[in-house]
Amino acid sequence: MTLDDLRKKVIYQNTLDIWISACEEKNTLWNEANEYKKFIDYLQTQNINMKKFPLCVNESDNSSPDKVKFAEILSESKDPSHATFTVKLSDSTIEKIRKFDFLGEN
């Protein structure tokens, strides 16, 4: 699912779903916790308004087992950059997200 498709569902999204969609757009892996941390750090440097969000992911909400496992890894970390946040997916925010250096692609 693209970031544009994700925004059509609801304008405020959690950073885990944003991360997964952005990685899918770039055809790169999304289940690397350290890369997610870099992504969150990047969003914070871009002055994107983010609110901490306690995300509960389970297989009953049609989440993939990989997503559930990844969310569990993030939730077990004490690193604040492994947290999940809500973000308003405006045009300018999506533009900034797409400029992130996914796995050193740039």
PDB file of N, CA and C in Angstrom:
ATOM      1  N   MET A   1       0.837  -1.166   0.000  1.00  0.00           N
ATOM      2  CA  MET A   1       0.000   0.000   0.000  1.00  0.00           C
ATOM      3  C   MET A   1       0.893   1.244   0.000  1.00  0.00           C
ATOM      4  N   THR A   2       0.570   2.206  -0.826  1.00  0.00           N
ATOM      5  CA  THR A   2       1.358   3.435  -0.893  1.00  0.00           C
ATOM      6  C   THR A   2       0.966   4.389   0.232  1.00  0.00           C
ATOM      7  N   LEU A   3       1.794   5.394   0.435  1.00  0.00           N
ATOM      8  CA  LEU A   3       1.468   6.420   1.429  1.00  0.00           C
ATOM      9  C   LEU A   3       0.189   7.159   1.050  1.00  0.00           C
ATOM     10  N   ASP A   4      -0.021   7.391  -0.235  1.00  0.00           N
ATOM     11  CA  ASP A   4      -1.246   8.058  -0.680  1.00  0.00           C
ATOM     12  C   ASP A   4      -2.476   7.208  -0.376  1.00  0.00           C
ATOM     13  N   ASP A   5      -2.367   5.900  -0.585  1.00  0.00           N
ATOM     14  CA  ASP A   5      -3.479   4.998  -0.263  1.00  0.00           C
ATOM     15  C   ASP A   5      -3.742   4.972   1.241  1.00  0.00           C
ATOM     16  N   LEU A   6      -2.671   4.973   2.014  1.00  0.00           N
ATOM     17  CA  LEU A   6      -2.792   4.968   3.467  1.00  0.00           C
ATOM     18  C   LEU A   6      -3.515   6.230   3.936  1.00  0.00           C
ATOM     19  N   ARG A   7      -3.175   7.367   3.352  1.00  0.00           N
ATOM     20  CA  ARG A   7      -3.817   8.631   3.723  1.00  0.00           C
ATOM     21  C   ARG A   7      -5.303   8.631   3.379  1.00  0.00           C
ATOM     22  N   LYS A   8      -5.687   7.940   2.325  1.00  0.00           N
ATOM     23  CA  LYS A   8      -7.102   7.884   1.950  1.00  0.00           C
ATOM     24  C   LYS A   8      -7.935   7.185   3.015  1.00  0.00           C
ATOM     25  N   LYS A   9      -7.321   6.259   3.746  1.00  0.00           N
ATOM     26  CA  LYS A   9      -8.039   5.556   4.814  1.00  0.00           C
ATOM     27  C   LYS A   9      -8.376   6.507   5.951  1.00  0.00           C
ATOM     28  N   VAL A  10      -7.373   7.218   6.431  1.00  0.00           N
ATOM     29  CA  VAL A  10      -7.536   8.186   7.518  1.00  0.00           C
ATOM     30  C   VAL A  10      -6.296   9.076   7.505  1.00  0.00           C
ATOM     31  N   ILE A  11      -6.471  10.349   7.740  1.00  0.00           N
ATOM     32  CA  ILE A  11      -5.353  11.287   7.595  1.00  0.00           C
ATOM     33  C   ILE A  11      -4.306  11.156   8.694  1.00  0.00           C
ATOM     34  N   TYR A  12      -4.708  10.744   9.894  1.00  0.00           N
ATOM     35  CA  TYR A  12      -3.735  10.505  10.971  1.00  0.00           C
ATOM     36  C   TYR A  12      -3.434   9.019  11.011  1.00  0.00           C
ATOM     37  N   GLN A  13      -2.151   8.685  10.880  1.00  0.00           N
ATOM     38  CA  GLN A  13      -1.726   7.288  10.853  1.00  0.00           C
ATOM     39  C   GLN A  13      -0.626   7.064  11.878  1.00  0.00           C
ATOM     40  N   ASN A  14      -0.439   5.812  12.245  1.00  0.00           N
ATOM     41  CA  ASN A  14       0.658   5.503  13.159  1.00  0.00           C
ATOM     42  C   ASN A  14       1.938   5.302  12.343  1.00  0.00           C
ATOM     43  N   THR A  15       3.054   5.575  12.995  1.00  0.00           N
ATOM     44  CA  THR A  15       4.341   5.543  12.293  1.00  0.00           C
ATOM     45  C   THR A  15       4.735   4.142  11.844  1.00  0.00           C
ATOM     46  N   LEU A  16       4.232   3.111  12.492  1.00  0.00           N
ATOM     47  CA  LEU A  16       4.552   1.759  12.036  1.00  0.00           C
ATOM     48  C   LEU A  16       3.929   1.504  10.668  1.00  0.00           C
ATOM     49  N   ASP A  17       2.657   1.845  10.504  1.00  0.00           N
ATOM     50  CA  ASP A  17       2.013   1.664   9.196  1.00  0.00           C
ATOM     51  C   ASP A  17       2.613   2.592   8.139  1.00  0.00           C
ATOM     52  N   ILE A  18       2.981   3.801   8.553  1.00  0.00           N
ATOM     53  CA  ILE A  18       3.635   4.726   7.621  1.00  0.00           C
ATOM     54  C   ILE A  18       4.973   4.140   7.173  1.00  0.00           C
ATOM     55  N   TRP A  19       5.746   3.622   8.127  1.00  0.00           N
ATOM     56  CA  TRP A  19       7.043   3.012   7.837  1.00  0.00           C
ATOM     57  C   TRP A  19       6.887   1.853   6.851  1.00  0.00           C
ATOM     58  N   ILE A  20       5.934   0.980   7.108  1.00  0.00           N
ATOM     59  CA  ILE A  20       5.727  -0.182   6.237  1.00  0.00           C
ATOM     60  C   ILE A  20       5.344   0.277   4.823  1.00  0.00           C
ATOM     61  N   SER A  21       4.417   1.221   4.733  1.00  0.00           N
ATOM     62  CA  SER A  21       3.995   1.711   3.410  1.00  0.00           C
ATOM     63  C   SER A  21       5.133   2.401   2.671  1.00  0.00           C
ATOM     64  N   ALA A  22       5.905   3.220   3.386  1.00  0.00           N
ATOM     65  CA  ALA A  22       7.028   3.914   2.748  1.00  0.00           C
ATOM     66  C   ALA A  22       8.067   2.912   2.249  1.00  0.00           C
ATOM     67  N   CYS A  23       8.343   1.878   3.041  1.00  0.00           N
ATOM     68  CA  CYS A  23       9.301   0.850   2.617  1.00  0.00           C
ATOM     69  C   CYS A  23       8.777   0.083   1.412  1.00  0.00           C
ATOM     70  N   GLU A  24       7.477  -0.207   1.394  1.00  0.00           N
ATOM     71  CA  GLU A  24       6.901  -0.898   0.246  1.00  0.00           C
ATOM     72  C   GLU A  24       7.007  -0.047  -1.014  1.00  0.00           C
ATOM     73  N   GLU A  25       6.812   1.268  -0.882  1.00  0.00           N
ATOM     74  CA  GLU A  25       6.989   2.158  -2.034  1.00  0.00           C
ATOM     75  C   GLU A  25       8.415   2.091  -2.566  1.00  0.00           C
ATOM     76  N   LYS A  26       9.371   1.976  -1.673  1.00  0.00           N
ATOM     77  CA  LYS A  26      10.793   1.942  -2.053  1.00  0.00           C
ATOM     78  C   LYS A  26      11.290   0.516  -2.306  1.00  0.00           C
ATOM     79  N   ASN A  27      10.385  -0.447  -2.164  1.00  0.00           N
ATOM     80  CA  ASN A  27      10.724  -1.852  -2.379  1.00  0.00           C
ATOM     81  C   ASN A  27      11.920  -2.286  -1.510  1.00  0.00           C
ATOM     82  N   THR A  28      11.823  -1.946  -0.227  1.00  0.00           N
ATOM     83  CA  THR A  28      12.881  -2.290   0.720  1.00  0.00           C
ATOM     84  C   THR A  28      12.268  -2.956   1.953  1.00  0.00           C
ATOM     85  N   LEU A  29      13.086  -3.639   2.718  1.00  0.00           N
ATOM     86  CA  LEU A  29      12.615  -4.332   3.913  1.00  0.00           C
ATOM     87  C   LEU A  29      12.157  -3.343   4.973  1.00  0.00           C
ATOM     88  N   TRP A  30      11.087  -3.690   5.670  1.00  0.00           N
ATOM     89  CA  TRP A  30      10.574  -2.817   6.717  1.00  0.00           C
ATOM     90  C   TRP A  30      10.764  -3.395   8.117  1.00  0.00           C
ATOM     91  N   ASN A  31      11.272  -4.610   8.232  1.00  0.00           N
ATOM     92  CA  ASN A  31      11.335  -5.259   9.542  1.00  0.00           C
ATOM     93  C   ASN A  31      12.703  -5.145  10.221  1.00  0.00           C
ATOM     94  N   GLU A  32      13.396  -4.052   9.982  1.00  0.00           N
ATOM     95  CA  GLU A  32      14.679  -3.774  10.619  1.00  0.00           C
ATOM     96  C   GLU A  32      14.470  -2.686  11.678  1.00  0.00           C
ATOM     97  N   ALA A  33      14.552  -3.062  12.953  1.00  0.00           N
ATOM     98  CA  ALA A  33      14.274  -2.121  14.047  1.00  0.00           C
ATOM     99  C   ALA A  33      15.208  -0.917  14.027  1.00  0.00           C
ATOM    100  N   ASN A  34      16.470  -1.130  13.701  1.00  0.00           N
ATOM    101  CA  ASN A  34      17.409  -0.002  13.666  1.00  0.00           C
ATOM    102  C   ASN A  34      17.083   0.983  12.549  1.00  0.00           C
ATOM    103  N   GLU A  35      16.574   0.481  11.435  1.00  0.00           N
ATOM    104  CA  GLU A  35      16.174   1.374  10.340  1.00  0.00           C
ATOM    105  C   GLU A  35      14.916   2.150  10.728  1.00  0.00           C
ATOM    106  N   TYR A  36      13.989   1.503  11.424  1.00  0.00           N
ATOM    107  CA  TYR A  36      12.793   2.202  11.921  1.00  0.00           C
ATOM    108  C   TYR A  36      13.220   3.327  12.867  1.00  0.00           C
ATOM    109  N   LYS A  37      14.181   3.041  13.741  1.00  0.00           N
ATOM    110  CA  LYS A  37      14.702   4.047  14.674  1.00  0.00           C
ATOM    111  C   LYS A  37      15.260   5.244  13.898  1.00  0.00           C
ATOM    112  N   LYS A  38      16.032   4.984  12.858  1.00  0.00           N
ATOM    113  CA  LYS A  38      16.581   6.071  12.035  1.00  0.00           C
ATOM    114  C   LYS A  38      15.463   6.884  11.392  1.00  0.00           C
ATOM    115  N   PHE A  39      14.404   6.187  10.989  1.00  0.00           N
ATOM    116  CA  PHE A  39      13.252   6.843  10.375  1.00  0.00           C
ATOM    117  C   PHE A  39      12.576   7.785  11.374  1.00  0.00           C
ATOM    118  N   ILE A  40      12.347   7.309  12.591  1.00  0.00           N
ATOM    119  CA  ILE A  40      11.726   8.143  13.623  1.00  0.00           C
ATOM    120  C   ILE A  40      12.620   9.338  13.945  1.00  0.00           C
ATOM    121  N   ASP A  41      13.906   9.090  14.090  1.00  0.00           N
ATOM    122  CA  ASP A  41      14.851  10.183  14.336  1.00  0.00           C
ATOM    123  C   ASP A  41      14.793  11.213  13.205  1.00  0.00           C
ATOM    124  N   TYR A  42      14.724  10.731  11.971  1.00  0.00           N
ATOM    125  CA  TYR A  42      14.635  11.615  10.804  1.00  0.00           C
ATOM    126  C   TYR A  42      13.357  12.456  10.863  1.00  0.00           C
ATOM    127  N   LEU A  43      12.218  11.815  11.151  1.00  0.00           N
ATOM    128  CA  LEU A  43      10.954  12.559  11.227  1.00  0.00           C
ATOM    129  C   LEU A  43      11.041  13.665  12.269  1.00  0.00           C
ATOM    130  N   GLN A  44      11.683  13.372  13.391  1.00  0.00           N
ATOM    131  CA  GLN A  44      11.816  14.378  14.450  1.00  0.00           C
ATOM    132  C   GLN A  44      12.685  15.547  13.993  1.00  0.00           C
ATOM    133  N   THR A  45      13.706  15.292  13.195  1.00  0.00           N
ATOM    134  CA  THR A  45      14.552  16.388  12.703  1.00  0.00           C
ATOM    135  C   THR A  45      13.830  17.234  11.657  1.00  0.00           C
ATOM    136  N   GLN A  46      12.770  16.692  11.081  1.00  0.00           N
ATOM    137  CA  GLN A  46      12.008  17.410  10.063  1.00  0.00           C
ATOM    138  C   GLN A  46      10.870  18.239  10.660  1.00  0.00           C
ATOM    139  N   ASN A  47      10.832  18.296  12.000  1.00  0.00           N
ATOM    140  CA  ASN A  47       9.801  19.063  12.716  1.00  0.00           C
ATOM    141  C   ASN A  47       8.384  18.621  12.366  1.00  0.00           C
ATOM    142  N   ILE A  48       8.226  17.330  12.172  1.00  0.00           N
ATOM    143  CA  ILE A  48       6.898  16.769  11.937  1.00  0.00           C
ATOM    144  C   ILE A  48       6.249  16.549  13.294  1.00  0.00           C
ATOM    145  N   ASN A  49       5.039  17.045  13.438  1.00  0.00           N
ATOM    146  CA  ASN A  49       4.317  16.919  14.702  1.00  0.00           C
ATOM    147  C   ASN A  49       3.934  15.451  14.914  1.00  0.00           C
ATOM    148  N   MET A  50       4.461  14.879  15.984  1.00  0.00           N
ATOM    149  CA  MET A  50       4.198  13.469  16.285  1.00  0.00           C
ATOM    150  C   MET A  50       3.754  13.344  17.732  1.00  0.00           C
ATOM    151  N   LYS A  51       2.720  12.551  17.935  1.00  0.00           N
ATOM    152  CA  LYS A  51       2.210  12.278  19.280  1.00  0.00           C
ATOM    153  C   LYS A  51       2.444  10.802  19.575  1.00  0.00           C
ATOM    154  N   LYS A  52       2.993  10.526  20.749  1.00  0.00           N
ATOM    155  CA  LYS A  52       3.242   9.140  21.134  1.00  0.00           C
ATOM    156  C   LYS A  52       1.915   8.385  21.154  1.00  0.00           C
ATOM    157  N   PHE A  53       1.960   7.153  20.652  1.00  0.00           N
ATOM    158  CA  PHE A  53       0.742   6.365  20.461  1.00  0.00           C
ATOM    159  C   PHE A  53       0.995   4.929  20.895  1.00  0.00           C
ATOM    160  N   PRO A  54       0.267   4.444  21.894  1.00  0.00           N
ATOM    161  CA  PRO A  54       0.447   3.054  22.315  1.00  0.00           C
ATOM    162  C   PRO A  54      -0.243   2.111  21.330  1.00  0.00           C
ATOM    163  N   LEU A  55       0.512   1.549  20.444  1.00  0.00           N
ATOM    164  CA  LEU A  55      -0.025   0.700  19.391  1.00  0.00           C
ATOM    165  C   LEU A  55      -0.160  -0.734  19.871  1.00  0.00           C
ATOM    166  N   CYS A  56      -1.314  -1.298  19.650  1.00  0.00           N
ATOM    167  CA  CYS A  56      -1.540  -2.710  19.968  1.00  0.00           C
ATOM    168  C   CYS A  56      -1.808  -3.431  18.651  1.00  0.00           C
ATOM    169  N   VAL A  57      -0.865  -4.248  18.241  1.00  0.00           N
ATOM    170  CA  VAL A  57      -0.992  -4.975  16.983  1.00  0.00           C
ATOM    171  C   VAL A  57      -1.187  -6.443  17.323  1.00  0.00           C
ATOM    172  N   ASN A  58      -2.215  -7.029  16.749  1.00  0.00           N
ATOM    173  CA  ASN A  58      -2.389  -8.466  16.927  1.00  0.00           C
ATOM    174  C   ASN A  58      -2.963  -9.068  15.661  1.00  0.00           C
ATOM    175  N   GLU A  59      -2.905 -10.362  15.596  1.00  0.00           N
ATOM    176  CA  GLU A  59      -3.332 -11.040  14.378  1.00  0.00           C
ATOM    177  C   GLU A  59      -4.842 -10.992  14.171  1.00  0.00           C
ATOM    178  N   SER A  60      -5.603 -10.673  15.207  1.00  0.00           N
ATOM    179  CA  SER A  60      -7.049 -10.609  15.055  1.00  0.00           C
ATOM    180  C   SER A  60      -7.496  -9.396  14.249  1.00  0.00           C
ATOM    181  N   ASP A  61      -6.626  -8.382  14.120  1.00  0.00           N
ATOM    182  CA  ASP A  61      -6.990  -7.215  13.316  1.00  0.00           C
ATOM    183  C   ASP A  61      -6.423  -7.310  11.896  1.00  0.00           C
ATOM    184  N   ASN A  62      -6.197  -8.532  11.443  1.00  0.00           N
ATOM    185  CA  ASN A  62      -5.709  -8.814  10.089  1.00  0.00           C
ATOM    186  C   ASN A  62      -4.260  -8.383   9.867  1.00  0.00           C
ATOM    187  N   SER A  63      -3.525  -8.198  10.943  1.00  0.00           N
ATOM    188  CA  SER A  63      -2.107  -7.883  10.818  1.00  0.00           C
ATOM    189  C   SER A  63      -1.351  -9.157  10.477  1.00  0.00           C
ATOM    190  N   SER A  64      -0.321  -9.002   9.691  1.00  0.00           N
ATOM    191  CA  SER A  64       0.491 -10.163   9.339  1.00  0.00           C
ATOM    192  C   SER A  64       1.297 -10.595  10.557  1.00  0.00           C
ATOM    193  N   PRO A  65       1.664 -11.869  10.623  1.00  0.00           N
ATOM    194  CA  PRO A  65       2.517 -12.331  11.732  1.00  0.00           C
ATOM    195  C   PRO A  65       3.842 -11.569  11.790  1.00  0.00           C
ATOM    196  N   ASP A  66       4.378 -11.167  10.627  1.00  0.00           N
ATOM    197  CA  ASP A  66       5.623 -10.399  10.599  1.00  0.00           C
ATOM    198  C   ASP A  66       5.442  -9.026  11.245  1.00  0.00           C
ATOM    199  N   LYS A  67       4.304  -8.395  10.981  1.00  0.00           N
ATOM    200  CA  LYS A  67       4.032  -7.087  11.569  1.00  0.00           C
ATOM    201  C   LYS A  67       3.861  -7.213  13.082  1.00  0.00           C
ATOM    202  N   VAL A  68       3.165  -8.258  13.520  1.00  0.00           N
ATOM    203  CA  VAL A  68       2.969  -8.490  14.947  1.00  0.00           C
ATOM    204  C   VAL A  68       4.317  -8.690  15.630  1.00  0.00           C
ATOM    205  N   LYS A  69       5.175  -9.506  15.031  1.00  0.00           N
ATOM    206  CA  LYS A  69       6.499  -9.775  15.600  1.00  0.00           C
ATOM    207  C   LYS A  69       7.328  -8.490  15.655  1.00  0.00           C
ATOM    208  N   PHE A  70       7.300  -7.704  14.585  1.00  0.00           N
ATOM    209  CA  PHE A  70       8.062  -6.461  14.541  1.00  0.00           C
ATOM    210  C   PHE A  70       7.560  -5.484  15.608  1.00  0.00           C
ATOM    211  N   ALA A  71       6.250  -5.368  15.766  1.00  0.00           N
ATOM    212  CA  ALA A  71       5.681  -4.487  16.783  1.00  0.00           C
ATOM    213  C   ALA A  71       6.096  -4.938  18.181  1.00  0.00           C
ATOM    214  N   GLU A  72       6.172  -6.245  18.393  1.00  0.00           N
ATOM    215  CA  GLU A  72       6.616  -6.767  19.683  1.00  0.00           C
ATOM    216  C   GLU A  72       8.077  -6.399  19.947  1.00  0.00           C
ATOM    217  N   ILE A  73       8.916  -6.518  18.928  1.00  0.00           N
ATOM    218  CA  ILE A  73      10.330  -6.146  19.071  1.00  0.00           C
ATOM    219  C   ILE A  73      10.442  -4.677  19.452  1.00  0.00           C
ATOM    220  N   LEU A  74       9.695  -3.825  18.782  1.00  0.00           N
ATOM    221  CA  LEU A  74       9.734  -2.392  19.072  1.00  0.00           C
ATOM    222  C   LEU A  74       9.231  -2.102  20.479  1.00  0.00           C
ATOM    223  N   SER A  75       8.175  -2.787  20.890  1.00  0.00           N
ATOM    224  CA  SER A  75       7.593  -2.520  22.202  1.00  0.00           C
ATOM    225  C   SER A  75       8.494  -2.959  23.350  1.00  0.00           C
ATOM    226  N   GLU A  76       9.366  -3.927  23.101  1.00  0.00           N
ATOM    227  CA  GLU A  76      10.274  -4.409  24.134  1.00  0.00           C
ATOM    228  C   GLU A  76      11.486  -3.501  24.316  1.00  0.00           C
ATOM    229  N   SER A  77      11.724  -2.623  23.379  1.00  0.00           N
ATOM    230  CA  SER A  77      12.889  -1.743  23.435  1.00  0.00           C
ATOM    231  C   SER A  77      12.649  -0.592  24.402  1.00  0.00           C
ATOM    232  N   LYS A  78      13.696  -0.184  25.065  1.00  0.00           N
ATOM    233  CA  LYS A  78      13.648   0.990  25.949  1.00  0.00           C
ATOM    234  C   LYS A  78      13.979   2.274  25.187  1.00  0.00           C
ATOM    235  N   ASP A  79      14.428   2.136  23.957  1.00  0.00           N
ATOM    236  CA  ASP A  79      14.811   3.286  23.132  1.00  0.00           C
ATOM    237  C   ASP A  79      13.552   4.068  22.723  1.00  0.00           C
ATOM    238  N   PRO A  80      13.472   5.363  23.053  1.00  0.00           N
ATOM    239  CA  PRO A  80      12.284   6.142  22.692  1.00  0.00           C
ATOM    240  C   PRO A  80      12.054   6.250  21.183  1.00  0.00           C
ATOM    241  N   SER A  81      13.086   6.032  20.386  1.00  0.00           N
ATOM    242  CA  SER A  81      12.917   6.069  18.929  1.00  0.00           C
ATOM    243  C   SER A  81      12.335   4.783  18.374  1.00  0.00           C
ATOM    244  N   HIS A  82      12.102   3.807  19.223  1.00  0.00           N
ATOM    245  CA  HIS A  82      11.415   2.584  18.799  1.00  0.00           C
ATOM    246  C   HIS A  82       9.925   2.663  19.122  1.00  0.00           C
ATOM    247  N   ALA A  83       9.481   3.797  19.650  1.00  0.00           N
ATOM    248  CA  ALA A  83       8.073   3.985  19.985  1.00  0.00           C
ATOM    249  C   ALA A  83       7.251   4.192  18.712  1.00  0.00           C
ATOM    250  N   THR A  84       5.951   4.146  18.890  1.00  0.00           N
ATOM    251  CA  THR A  84       5.035   4.412  17.788  1.00  0.00           C
ATOM    252  C   THR A  84       4.346   5.749  18.059  1.00  0.00           C
ATOM    253  N   PHE A  85       4.166   6.506  17.006  1.00  0.00           N
ATOM    254  CA  PHE A  85       3.578   7.838  17.102  1.00  0.00           C
ATOM    255  C   PHE A  85       2.452   7.965  16.084  1.00  0.00           C
ATOM    256  N   THR A  86       1.615   8.973  16.251  1.00  0.00           N
ATOM    257  CA  THR A  86       0.655   9.320  15.205  1.00  0.00           C
ATOM    258  C   THR A  86       1.188  10.532  14.465  1.00  0.00           C
ATOM    259  N   VAL A  87       0.917  10.539  13.170  1.00  0.00           N
ATOM    260  CA  VAL A  87       1.393  11.604  12.286  1.00  0.00           C
ATOM    261  C   VAL A  87       0.264  11.953  11.323  1.00  0.00           C
ATOM    262  N   LYS A  88       0.092  13.235  11.092  1.00  0.00           N
ATOM    263  CA  LYS A  88      -0.873  13.694  10.086  1.00  0.00           C
ATOM    264  C   LYS A  88      -0.200  13.595   8.728  1.00  0.00           C
ATOM    265  N   LEU A  89      -0.787  12.822   7.835  1.00  0.00           N
ATOM    266  CA  LEU A  89      -0.202  12.619   6.509  1.00  0.00           C
ATOM    267  C   LEU A  89      -0.635  13.715   5.533  1.00  0.00           C
ATOM    268  N   SER A  90      -0.078  14.876   5.721  1.00  0.00           N
ATOM    269  CA  SER A  90      -0.311  15.985   4.791  1.00  0.00           C
ATOM    270  C   SER A  90       0.600  15.796   3.578  1.00  0.00           C
ATOM    271  N   ASP A  91       0.385  16.598   2.549  1.00  0.00           N
ATOM    272  CA  ASP A  91       1.246  16.530   1.366  1.00  0.00           C
ATOM    273  C   ASP A  91       2.702  16.781   1.729  1.00  0.00           C
ATOM    274  N   SER A  92       2.937  17.795   2.569  1.00  0.00           N
ATOM    275  CA  SER A  92       4.322  18.130   2.918  1.00  0.00           C
ATOM    276  C   SER A  92       4.965  17.031   3.767  1.00  0.00           C
ATOM    277  N   THR A  93       4.188  16.396   4.633  1.00  0.00           N
ATOM    278  CA  THR A  93       4.732  15.300   5.441  1.00  0.00           C
ATOM    279  C   THR A  93       5.084  14.106   4.568  1.00  0.00           C
ATOM    280  N   ILE A  94       4.217  13.757   3.647  1.00  0.00           N
ATOM    281  CA  ILE A  94       4.497  12.645   2.737  1.00  0.00           C
ATOM    282  C   ILE A  94       5.743  12.957   1.905  1.00  0.00           C
ATOM    283  N   GLU A  95       5.885  14.188   1.473  1.00  0.00           N
ATOM    284  CA  GLU A  95       7.075  14.579   0.700  1.00  0.00           C
ATOM    285  C   GLU A  95       8.344  14.378   1.536  1.00  0.00           C
ATOM    286  N   LYS A  96       8.306  14.772   2.790  1.00  0.00           N
ATOM    287  CA  LYS A  96       9.463  14.589   3.672  1.00  0.00           C
ATOM    288  C   LYS A  96       9.752  13.112   3.913  1.00  0.00           C
ATOM    289  N   ILE A  97       8.717  12.335   4.100  1.00  0.00           N
ATOM    290  CA  ILE A  97       8.888  10.891   4.321  1.00  0.00           C
ATOM    291  C   ILE A  97       9.583  10.264   3.119  1.00  0.00           C
ATOM    292  N   ARG A  98       9.167  10.637   1.951  1.00  0.00           N
ATOM    293  CA  ARG A  98       9.756  10.061   0.733  1.00  0.00           C
ATOM    294  C   ARG A  98      11.208  10.468   0.521  1.00  0.00           C
ATOM    295  N   LYS A  99      11.658  11.503   1.199  1.00  0.00           N
ATOM    296  CA  LYS A  99      13.056  11.940   1.082  1.00  0.00           C
ATOM    297  C   LYS A  99      13.964  11.195   2.048  1.00  0.00           C
ATOM    298  N   PHE A 100      13.399  10.380   2.940  1.00  0.00           N
ATOM    299  CA  PHE A 100      14.217   9.619   3.871  1.00  0.00           C
ATOM    300  C   PHE A 100      15.118   8.658   3.106  1.00  0.00           C
ATOM    301  N   ASP A 101      16.335   8.477   3.605  1.00  0.00           N
ATOM    302  CA  ASP A 101      17.321   7.598   2.980  1.00  0.00           C
ATOM    303  C   ASP A 101      17.062   6.153   3.406  1.00  0.00           C
ATOM    304  N   PHE A 102      16.193   5.455   2.686  1.00  0.00           N
ATOM    305  CA  PHE A 102      15.822   4.077   3.004  1.00  0.00           C
ATOM    306  C   PHE A 102      16.981   3.141   2.734  1.00  0.00           C
ATOM    307  N   LEU A 103      17.511   2.547   3.802  1.00  0.00           N
ATOM    308  CA  LEU A 103      18.616   1.573   3.731  1.00  0.00           C
ATOM    309  C   LEU A 103      19.754   2.072   2.839  1.00  0.00           C
ATOM    310  N   GLY A 104      20.072   3.342   2.967  1.00  0.00           N
ATOM    311  CA  GLY A 104      21.202   3.892   2.237  1.00  0.00           C
ATOM    312  C   GLY A 104      21.015   3.958   0.742  1.00  0.00           C
ATOM    313  N   GLU A 105      19.766   4.156   0.290  1.00  0.00           N
ATOM    314  CA  GLU A 105      19.508   4.153  -1.160  1.00  0.00           C
ATOM    315  C   GLU A 105      20.087   5.363  -1.875  1.00  0.00           C
ATOM    316  N   ASN A 106      20.258   6.475  -1.165  1.00  0.00           N
ATOM    317  CA  ASN A 106      20.735   7.698  -1.818  1.00  0.00           C
ATOM    318  C   ASN A 106      22.233   7.820  -1.745  1.00  0.00           C
TER     319      ASN A 106
END
